N, C-alpha and C. Protein backbone atom coordinates (compact mmCIF):
# COMPACT_ATOMS: atom_id res chain seq x y z
N MET A 1 56.60 73.48 142.00
CA MET A 1 56.85 74.83 142.45
C MET A 1 56.58 75.77 141.29
N SER A 2 55.95 76.89 141.58
CA SER A 2 55.65 77.85 140.53
C SER A 2 56.88 78.66 140.19
N LYS A 3 56.83 79.27 139.04
CA LYS A 3 57.93 80.08 138.54
C LYS A 3 58.17 81.25 139.49
N ALA A 4 59.45 81.55 139.72
CA ALA A 4 59.80 82.68 140.57
C ALA A 4 59.32 83.96 139.91
N PRO A 5 58.81 84.92 140.68
CA PRO A 5 58.32 86.15 140.09
C PRO A 5 59.47 86.89 139.39
N GLY A 6 59.16 87.45 138.24
CA GLY A 6 60.14 88.26 137.54
C GLY A 6 61.13 87.48 136.69
N VAL A 7 61.21 86.17 136.83
CA VAL A 7 62.13 85.39 136.01
C VAL A 7 61.48 85.23 134.65
N ARG A 8 62.09 85.85 133.64
CA ARG A 8 61.43 85.86 132.34
C ARG A 8 61.74 84.61 131.55
N ARG A 9 60.75 84.18 130.81
CA ARG A 9 60.89 83.07 129.88
C ARG A 9 60.80 83.65 128.49
N ARG A 10 61.64 83.20 127.61
CA ARG A 10 61.64 83.71 126.25
C ARG A 10 60.49 83.09 125.45
N SER A 11 59.90 83.90 124.59
CA SER A 11 58.86 83.41 123.69
C SER A 11 59.50 82.47 122.69
N ALA A 12 58.66 81.72 121.96
CA ALA A 12 59.17 80.80 120.94
C ALA A 12 59.98 81.55 119.90
N ALA A 13 59.53 82.74 119.51
CA ALA A 13 60.26 83.53 118.51
C ALA A 13 61.62 83.97 119.06
N ALA A 14 61.64 84.40 120.31
CA ALA A 14 62.91 84.83 120.90
C ALA A 14 63.85 83.64 121.07
N ARG A 15 63.29 82.48 121.46
CA ARG A 15 64.14 81.29 121.61
C ARG A 15 64.74 80.90 120.27
N SER A 16 63.97 80.98 119.20
CA SER A 16 64.52 80.58 117.90
C SER A 16 65.64 81.51 117.48
N ALA A 17 65.59 82.77 117.88
CA ALA A 17 66.67 83.70 117.57
C ALA A 17 67.95 83.30 118.31
N PHE A 18 67.80 82.61 119.44
CA PHE A 18 68.96 82.19 120.21
C PHE A 18 69.48 80.82 119.79
N ASP A 19 68.73 80.08 118.98
CA ASP A 19 69.14 78.73 118.61
C ASP A 19 70.54 78.69 118.03
N GLU A 20 70.91 79.68 117.23
CA GLU A 20 72.24 79.71 116.64
C GLU A 20 73.31 79.94 117.70
N GLN A 21 72.96 80.58 118.79
CA GLN A 21 73.92 80.92 119.82
C GLN A 21 73.94 79.93 120.98
N ARG A 22 73.03 78.99 120.99
CA ARG A 22 72.92 78.09 122.13
C ARG A 22 74.25 77.41 122.39
N GLY A 23 74.62 77.34 123.62
CA GLY A 23 75.89 76.75 124.00
C GLY A 23 75.93 76.52 125.49
N TYR A 24 77.12 76.54 126.03
CA TYR A 24 77.35 76.22 127.44
C TYR A 24 78.13 77.31 128.15
N LEU A 25 77.84 77.44 129.43
CA LEU A 25 78.68 78.14 130.38
C LEU A 25 79.31 77.04 131.22
N VAL A 26 80.62 77.03 131.34
CA VAL A 26 81.31 75.97 132.06
C VAL A 26 81.66 76.48 133.45
N ASP A 27 81.12 75.82 134.45
CA ASP A 27 81.34 76.21 135.84
C ASP A 27 82.78 75.90 136.26
N ASN A 28 83.25 76.67 137.21
CA ASN A 28 84.59 76.49 137.76
C ASN A 28 84.80 75.08 138.32
N SER A 29 83.75 74.45 138.82
CA SER A 29 83.88 73.09 139.35
C SER A 29 84.38 72.13 138.27
N ILE A 30 83.98 72.34 137.04
CA ILE A 30 84.47 71.52 135.92
C ILE A 30 85.92 71.86 135.62
N LEU A 31 86.19 73.15 135.49
CA LEU A 31 87.54 73.58 135.10
C LEU A 31 88.60 73.16 136.12
N GLN A 32 88.23 73.18 137.39
CA GLN A 32 89.19 72.82 138.44
C GLN A 32 89.42 71.30 138.52
N LYS A 33 88.50 70.51 137.99
CA LYS A 33 88.62 69.05 138.08
C LYS A 33 89.06 68.40 136.77
N LEU A 34 89.28 69.20 135.74
CA LEU A 34 89.68 68.66 134.44
C LEU A 34 90.93 67.78 134.52
N ALA A 35 91.91 68.23 135.27
CA ALA A 35 93.19 67.52 135.32
C ALA A 35 93.10 66.17 136.04
N ARG A 36 92.14 66.00 136.92
CA ARG A 36 92.11 64.77 137.72
C ARG A 36 90.95 63.82 137.41
N SER A 37 90.04 64.22 136.53
CA SER A 37 88.89 63.37 136.26
C SER A 37 88.77 63.05 134.77
N GLU A 38 88.94 61.78 134.43
CA GLU A 38 88.80 61.36 133.04
C GLU A 38 87.37 61.58 132.54
N ASN A 39 86.39 61.32 133.38
CA ASN A 39 85.00 61.50 133.00
C ASN A 39 84.70 62.97 132.66
N ILE A 40 85.20 63.87 133.48
CA ILE A 40 84.99 65.30 133.23
C ILE A 40 85.74 65.72 131.98
N ARG A 41 86.97 65.27 131.80
CA ARG A 41 87.74 65.59 130.59
C ARG A 41 87.03 65.13 129.33
N ARG A 42 86.48 63.92 129.37
CA ARG A 42 85.78 63.37 128.22
C ARG A 42 84.56 64.22 127.86
N ARG A 43 83.72 64.52 128.86
CA ARG A 43 82.50 65.30 128.59
C ARG A 43 82.84 66.73 128.17
N PHE A 44 83.83 67.32 128.80
CA PHE A 44 84.27 68.67 128.44
C PHE A 44 84.71 68.70 126.98
N ALA A 45 85.47 67.71 126.55
CA ALA A 45 85.93 67.64 125.16
C ALA A 45 84.75 67.48 124.20
N GLU A 46 83.79 66.63 124.56
CA GLU A 46 82.61 66.44 123.71
C GLU A 46 81.86 67.75 123.51
N ILE A 47 81.69 68.46 124.60
CA ILE A 47 80.93 69.71 124.54
C ILE A 47 81.70 70.78 123.79
N THR A 48 82.97 70.95 124.11
CA THR A 48 83.74 72.02 123.46
C THR A 48 83.97 71.75 121.99
N ASN A 49 83.88 70.49 121.56
CA ASN A 49 84.01 70.17 120.14
C ASN A 49 82.68 70.27 119.39
N THR A 50 81.59 70.46 120.13
CA THR A 50 80.26 70.46 119.51
C THR A 50 79.52 71.79 119.66
N TYR A 51 79.67 72.43 120.79
CA TYR A 51 78.90 73.63 121.11
C TYR A 51 79.81 74.82 121.39
N PRO A 52 79.30 76.03 121.18
CA PRO A 52 80.08 77.20 121.59
C PRO A 52 80.10 77.30 123.11
N ILE A 53 81.21 77.79 123.63
CA ILE A 53 81.37 78.00 125.07
C ILE A 53 81.37 79.50 125.33
N TYR A 54 80.57 79.90 126.31
CA TYR A 54 80.44 81.31 126.66
C TYR A 54 80.98 81.55 128.06
N THR A 55 81.31 82.79 128.31
CA THR A 55 81.74 83.21 129.64
C THR A 55 80.85 84.35 130.10
N CYS A 56 80.94 84.64 131.39
CA CYS A 56 80.27 85.81 131.96
C CYS A 56 81.17 86.31 133.09
N PRO A 57 81.06 87.58 133.45
CA PRO A 57 81.97 88.13 134.46
C PRO A 57 82.06 87.33 135.76
N PRO A 58 80.95 86.90 136.38
CA PRO A 58 81.12 86.16 137.64
C PRO A 58 81.84 84.82 137.46
N GLN A 59 81.63 84.18 136.33
CA GLN A 59 82.31 82.90 136.07
C GLN A 59 83.81 83.12 135.87
N VAL A 60 84.18 84.16 135.14
CA VAL A 60 85.60 84.46 134.92
C VAL A 60 86.25 84.87 136.23
N LEU A 61 85.57 85.68 137.03
CA LEU A 61 86.11 86.08 138.33
C LEU A 61 86.36 84.86 139.22
N GLU A 62 85.40 83.94 139.23
CA GLU A 62 85.55 82.74 140.06
C GLU A 62 86.72 81.89 139.58
N TYR A 63 86.86 81.73 138.28
CA TYR A 63 87.96 80.94 137.72
C TYR A 63 89.32 81.59 138.05
N CYS A 64 89.42 82.88 137.84
CA CYS A 64 90.69 83.57 138.07
C CYS A 64 91.04 83.71 139.55
N TRP A 65 90.05 83.57 140.42
CA TRP A 65 90.26 83.67 141.87
C TRP A 65 91.27 82.62 142.36
N SER A 66 91.38 81.51 141.65
CA SER A 66 92.27 80.43 142.09
C SER A 66 93.74 80.69 141.75
N ALA A 67 94.04 81.77 141.06
CA ALA A 67 95.44 82.09 140.74
C ALA A 67 96.25 82.29 142.01
N ARG A 68 97.51 81.84 141.96
CA ARG A 68 98.39 81.97 143.12
C ARG A 68 99.34 83.15 143.01
N ASN A 69 99.42 83.76 141.82
CA ASN A 69 100.28 84.93 141.64
C ASN A 69 99.81 85.68 140.39
N ALA A 70 100.40 86.84 140.14
CA ALA A 70 99.96 87.69 139.02
C ALA A 70 100.16 87.00 137.67
N SER A 71 101.24 86.28 137.53
CA SER A 71 101.51 85.59 136.27
C SER A 71 100.46 84.51 136.00
N GLU A 72 100.11 83.76 137.03
CA GLU A 72 99.09 82.73 136.86
C GLU A 72 97.72 83.36 136.60
N TYR A 73 97.46 84.50 137.25
CA TYR A 73 96.20 85.21 136.97
C TYR A 73 96.12 85.57 135.48
N ASP A 74 97.22 86.12 134.95
CA ASP A 74 97.24 86.49 133.53
C ASP A 74 96.96 85.28 132.64
N GLU A 75 97.54 84.15 132.99
CA GLU A 75 97.33 82.91 132.22
C GLU A 75 95.87 82.46 132.28
N LEU A 76 95.29 82.47 133.47
CA LEU A 76 93.91 82.05 133.62
C LEU A 76 92.96 82.99 132.87
N ARG A 77 93.25 84.28 132.94
CA ARG A 77 92.40 85.24 132.23
C ARG A 77 92.50 85.02 130.72
N ARG A 78 93.70 84.75 130.22
CA ARG A 78 93.86 84.44 128.79
C ARG A 78 93.07 83.18 128.42
N ASP A 79 93.05 82.19 129.31
CA ASP A 79 92.24 80.98 129.07
C ASP A 79 90.78 81.37 128.80
N MET A 80 90.25 82.24 129.63
CA MET A 80 88.84 82.62 129.51
C MET A 80 88.58 83.45 128.26
N GLU A 81 89.59 84.14 127.77
CA GLU A 81 89.42 84.96 126.57
C GLU A 81 89.31 84.10 125.30
N LEU A 82 89.55 82.79 125.42
CA LEU A 82 89.36 81.88 124.28
C LEU A 82 87.88 81.65 123.98
N TYR A 83 87.03 81.96 124.96
CA TYR A 83 85.60 81.71 124.82
C TYR A 83 84.87 83.01 124.53
N THR A 84 83.62 82.90 124.19
CA THR A 84 82.81 84.05 123.79
C THR A 84 82.08 84.64 125.00
N PRO A 85 82.20 85.94 125.22
CA PRO A 85 81.42 86.55 126.31
C PRO A 85 79.93 86.47 126.02
N ALA A 86 79.15 86.14 127.03
CA ALA A 86 77.69 86.13 126.90
C ALA A 86 77.22 87.54 126.56
N LEU A 87 76.25 87.62 125.67
CA LEU A 87 75.82 88.92 125.16
C LEU A 87 74.94 89.70 126.13
N HIS A 88 74.13 89.01 126.93
CA HIS A 88 73.12 89.67 127.73
C HIS A 88 73.40 89.51 129.22
N ALA A 89 73.42 90.63 129.92
CA ALA A 89 73.53 90.61 131.38
C ALA A 89 72.12 90.51 131.96
N PRO A 90 71.96 89.74 133.02
CA PRO A 90 70.63 89.66 133.63
C PRO A 90 70.28 90.96 134.34
N ARG A 91 68.99 91.22 134.44
CA ARG A 91 68.54 92.37 135.22
C ARG A 91 68.66 92.03 136.71
N GLN A 92 68.78 93.06 137.52
CA GLN A 92 68.91 92.86 138.96
C GLN A 92 67.76 92.03 139.51
N ALA A 93 66.56 92.31 139.09
CA ALA A 93 65.39 91.58 139.59
C ALA A 93 65.49 90.09 139.26
N GLU A 94 66.03 89.76 138.10
CA GLU A 94 66.16 88.35 137.71
C GLU A 94 67.14 87.62 138.64
N VAL A 95 68.22 88.29 139.00
CA VAL A 95 69.20 87.69 139.92
C VAL A 95 68.57 87.49 141.29
N LEU A 96 67.93 88.52 141.79
CA LEU A 96 67.32 88.44 143.11
C LEU A 96 66.16 87.45 143.16
N ASP A 97 65.46 87.30 142.04
CA ASP A 97 64.36 86.32 141.98
C ASP A 97 64.89 84.89 142.14
N ILE A 98 66.07 84.62 141.63
CA ILE A 98 66.67 83.29 141.80
C ILE A 98 66.97 83.04 143.27
N GLN A 99 67.59 84.02 143.93
CA GLN A 99 67.89 83.86 145.35
C GLN A 99 66.60 83.70 146.15
N GLN A 100 65.59 84.47 145.81
CA GLN A 100 64.31 84.37 146.52
C GLN A 100 63.67 83.00 146.30
N ALA A 101 63.78 82.46 145.08
CA ALA A 101 63.23 81.14 144.79
C ALA A 101 63.94 80.07 145.63
N LEU A 102 65.25 80.21 145.82
CA LEU A 102 65.98 79.27 146.68
C LEU A 102 65.43 79.30 148.10
N TRP A 103 65.22 80.49 148.63
CA TRP A 103 64.68 80.62 149.98
C TRP A 103 63.27 80.04 150.06
N ARG A 104 62.44 80.39 149.11
CA ARG A 104 61.05 79.90 149.14
C ARG A 104 60.98 78.39 148.92
N GLY A 105 61.93 77.85 148.19
CA GLY A 105 61.93 76.42 147.91
C GLY A 105 62.59 75.58 148.99
N GLY A 106 63.06 76.23 150.06
CA GLY A 106 63.68 75.50 151.17
C GLY A 106 65.15 75.21 150.96
N PHE A 107 65.75 75.82 149.94
CA PHE A 107 67.17 75.59 149.67
C PHE A 107 68.05 76.65 150.32
N VAL A 108 67.45 77.61 150.97
CA VAL A 108 68.06 78.69 151.73
C VAL A 108 69.40 79.12 151.14
N ARG A 109 70.48 78.49 151.55
CA ARG A 109 71.82 78.83 151.02
C ARG A 109 72.36 77.67 150.19
N GLY A 110 71.50 77.09 149.38
CA GLY A 110 71.86 75.93 148.56
C GLY A 110 72.79 76.28 147.41
N ALA A 111 72.97 77.57 147.14
CA ALA A 111 73.89 78.01 146.10
C ALA A 111 74.47 79.35 146.54
N GLY A 112 75.74 79.55 146.24
CA GLY A 112 76.40 80.80 146.59
C GLY A 112 76.03 81.92 145.64
N ASN A 113 76.41 83.12 146.04
CA ASN A 113 76.08 84.31 145.25
C ASN A 113 76.66 84.25 143.84
N VAL A 114 77.87 83.77 143.70
CA VAL A 114 78.48 83.70 142.36
C VAL A 114 77.71 82.72 141.49
N ASP A 115 77.32 81.58 142.04
CA ASP A 115 76.56 80.61 141.26
C ASP A 115 75.18 81.14 140.88
N ILE A 116 74.58 81.93 141.75
CA ILE A 116 73.30 82.56 141.41
C ILE A 116 73.49 83.51 140.23
N LEU A 117 74.56 84.29 140.25
CA LEU A 117 74.85 85.20 139.14
C LEU A 117 75.12 84.43 137.85
N ILE A 118 75.88 83.36 137.93
CA ILE A 118 76.18 82.54 136.75
C ILE A 118 74.87 81.95 136.20
N ALA A 119 74.01 81.47 137.07
CA ALA A 119 72.72 80.93 136.62
C ALA A 119 71.90 82.01 135.93
N ALA A 120 71.90 83.21 136.47
CA ALA A 120 71.14 84.31 135.86
C ALA A 120 71.69 84.64 134.46
N TYR A 121 73.00 84.63 134.31
CA TYR A 121 73.60 84.84 132.98
C TYR A 121 73.21 83.72 132.03
N ALA A 122 73.25 82.49 132.50
CA ALA A 122 72.87 81.36 131.65
C ALA A 122 71.43 81.50 131.18
N MET A 123 70.54 81.87 132.08
CA MET A 123 69.14 82.04 131.72
C MET A 123 68.94 83.20 130.75
N ALA A 124 69.62 84.31 130.99
CA ALA A 124 69.48 85.49 130.13
C ALA A 124 69.99 85.23 128.72
N ASN A 125 70.91 84.25 128.58
CA ASN A 125 71.52 83.96 127.28
C ASN A 125 71.11 82.60 126.72
N ASP A 126 70.15 81.95 127.37
CA ASP A 126 69.64 80.66 126.94
C ASP A 126 70.75 79.62 126.81
N LEU A 127 71.61 79.55 127.83
CA LEU A 127 72.74 78.63 127.84
C LEU A 127 72.54 77.54 128.88
N THR A 128 73.26 76.45 128.70
CA THR A 128 73.27 75.34 129.66
C THR A 128 74.54 75.46 130.49
N ILE A 129 74.44 75.22 131.78
CA ILE A 129 75.61 75.24 132.66
C ILE A 129 76.14 73.83 132.79
N LEU A 130 77.42 73.66 132.52
CA LEU A 130 78.11 72.38 132.75
C LEU A 130 78.77 72.48 134.11
N THR A 131 78.46 71.55 135.00
CA THR A 131 78.93 71.67 136.38
C THR A 131 79.28 70.31 136.97
N ALA A 132 80.13 70.34 137.99
CA ALA A 132 80.50 69.13 138.72
C ALA A 132 80.15 69.28 140.20
N ASP A 133 79.30 70.26 140.52
CA ASP A 133 78.80 70.36 141.89
C ASP A 133 77.28 70.50 141.85
N ARG A 134 76.65 70.45 142.99
CA ARG A 134 75.17 70.38 143.06
C ARG A 134 74.48 71.74 143.21
N ASP A 135 75.25 72.83 143.28
CA ASP A 135 74.63 74.15 143.49
C ASP A 135 73.59 74.48 142.43
N PHE A 136 73.92 74.21 141.17
CA PHE A 136 73.00 74.56 140.09
C PHE A 136 71.77 73.64 140.07
N GLU A 137 71.93 72.44 140.59
CA GLU A 137 70.77 71.55 140.72
C GLU A 137 69.77 72.14 141.72
N HIS A 138 70.29 72.72 142.80
CA HIS A 138 69.41 73.37 143.77
C HIS A 138 68.67 74.54 143.13
N ILE A 139 69.40 75.33 142.35
CA ILE A 139 68.76 76.46 141.67
C ILE A 139 67.70 75.95 140.70
N GLN A 140 68.05 74.93 139.94
CA GLN A 140 67.13 74.37 138.96
C GLN A 140 65.84 73.88 139.64
N ARG A 141 65.98 73.23 140.77
CA ARG A 141 64.81 72.72 141.50
C ARG A 141 63.95 73.84 142.05
N ALA A 142 64.59 74.94 142.45
CA ALA A 142 63.85 76.06 143.05
C ALA A 142 63.06 76.85 142.01
N LEU A 143 63.52 76.83 140.77
CA LEU A 143 62.86 77.59 139.71
C LEU A 143 61.81 76.74 138.99
N ALA A 144 61.04 77.40 138.16
CA ALA A 144 60.05 76.71 137.35
C ALA A 144 60.76 75.73 136.42
N SER A 145 60.08 74.66 136.10
CA SER A 145 60.62 73.64 135.20
C SER A 145 61.07 74.27 133.89
N GLY A 146 62.30 73.99 133.50
CA GLY A 146 62.84 74.50 132.24
C GLY A 146 63.43 75.89 132.30
N ALA A 147 63.34 76.57 133.45
CA ALA A 147 63.87 77.93 133.54
C ALA A 147 65.40 77.96 133.45
N LEU A 148 66.04 76.93 133.98
CA LEU A 148 67.50 76.83 133.96
C LEU A 148 67.88 75.44 133.49
N ARG A 149 68.81 75.39 132.55
CA ARG A 149 69.35 74.10 132.11
C ARG A 149 70.75 73.96 132.70
N GLN A 150 70.97 72.81 133.32
CA GLN A 150 72.30 72.51 133.83
C GLN A 150 72.57 71.04 133.60
N GLU A 151 73.84 70.73 133.40
CA GLU A 151 74.25 69.34 133.22
C GLU A 151 75.33 69.04 134.25
N PHE A 152 75.04 68.09 135.11
CA PHE A 152 75.99 67.65 136.13
C PHE A 152 76.86 66.54 135.56
N VAL A 153 78.17 66.65 135.78
CA VAL A 153 79.12 65.61 135.37
C VAL A 153 79.85 65.13 136.63
N ALA A 154 79.69 63.86 136.93
CA ALA A 154 80.36 63.29 138.11
C ALA A 154 81.83 63.05 137.81
N GLU A 155 82.64 63.13 138.86
CA GLU A 155 84.07 62.82 138.70
C GLU A 155 84.20 61.37 138.36
């Protein structure tokens, strides 16, 4: 499949500038399964002890959405403040190009809107998404090879 229109790829010089910042965006699917999956806990620990972890607004919103009351929301938001906010927001066209690539690739609704936004942030910041669901795999397949990095961790 060819690269989705408008999805920018960084030049070698731009990529090298990001090498120091390369890290992970951790999807909510990982965070929600940490308590019950030894495999996910192990990989999460390996990554957080080795690489910087970044956040982005849609990822934090998704994580905090699971709060059951205001106090728990405050706790979850404080959890996310332990990580570094991603520096670059994707352009609107980049986000829409991902959704369009899903449609053109036959994945139609293979990923939700929040996951599309998270993928766009990961691409704009040259980050890898750590996930325990298949949504990002669908996005990765729909885009040009290497446009999105994601790592799936099974329970």
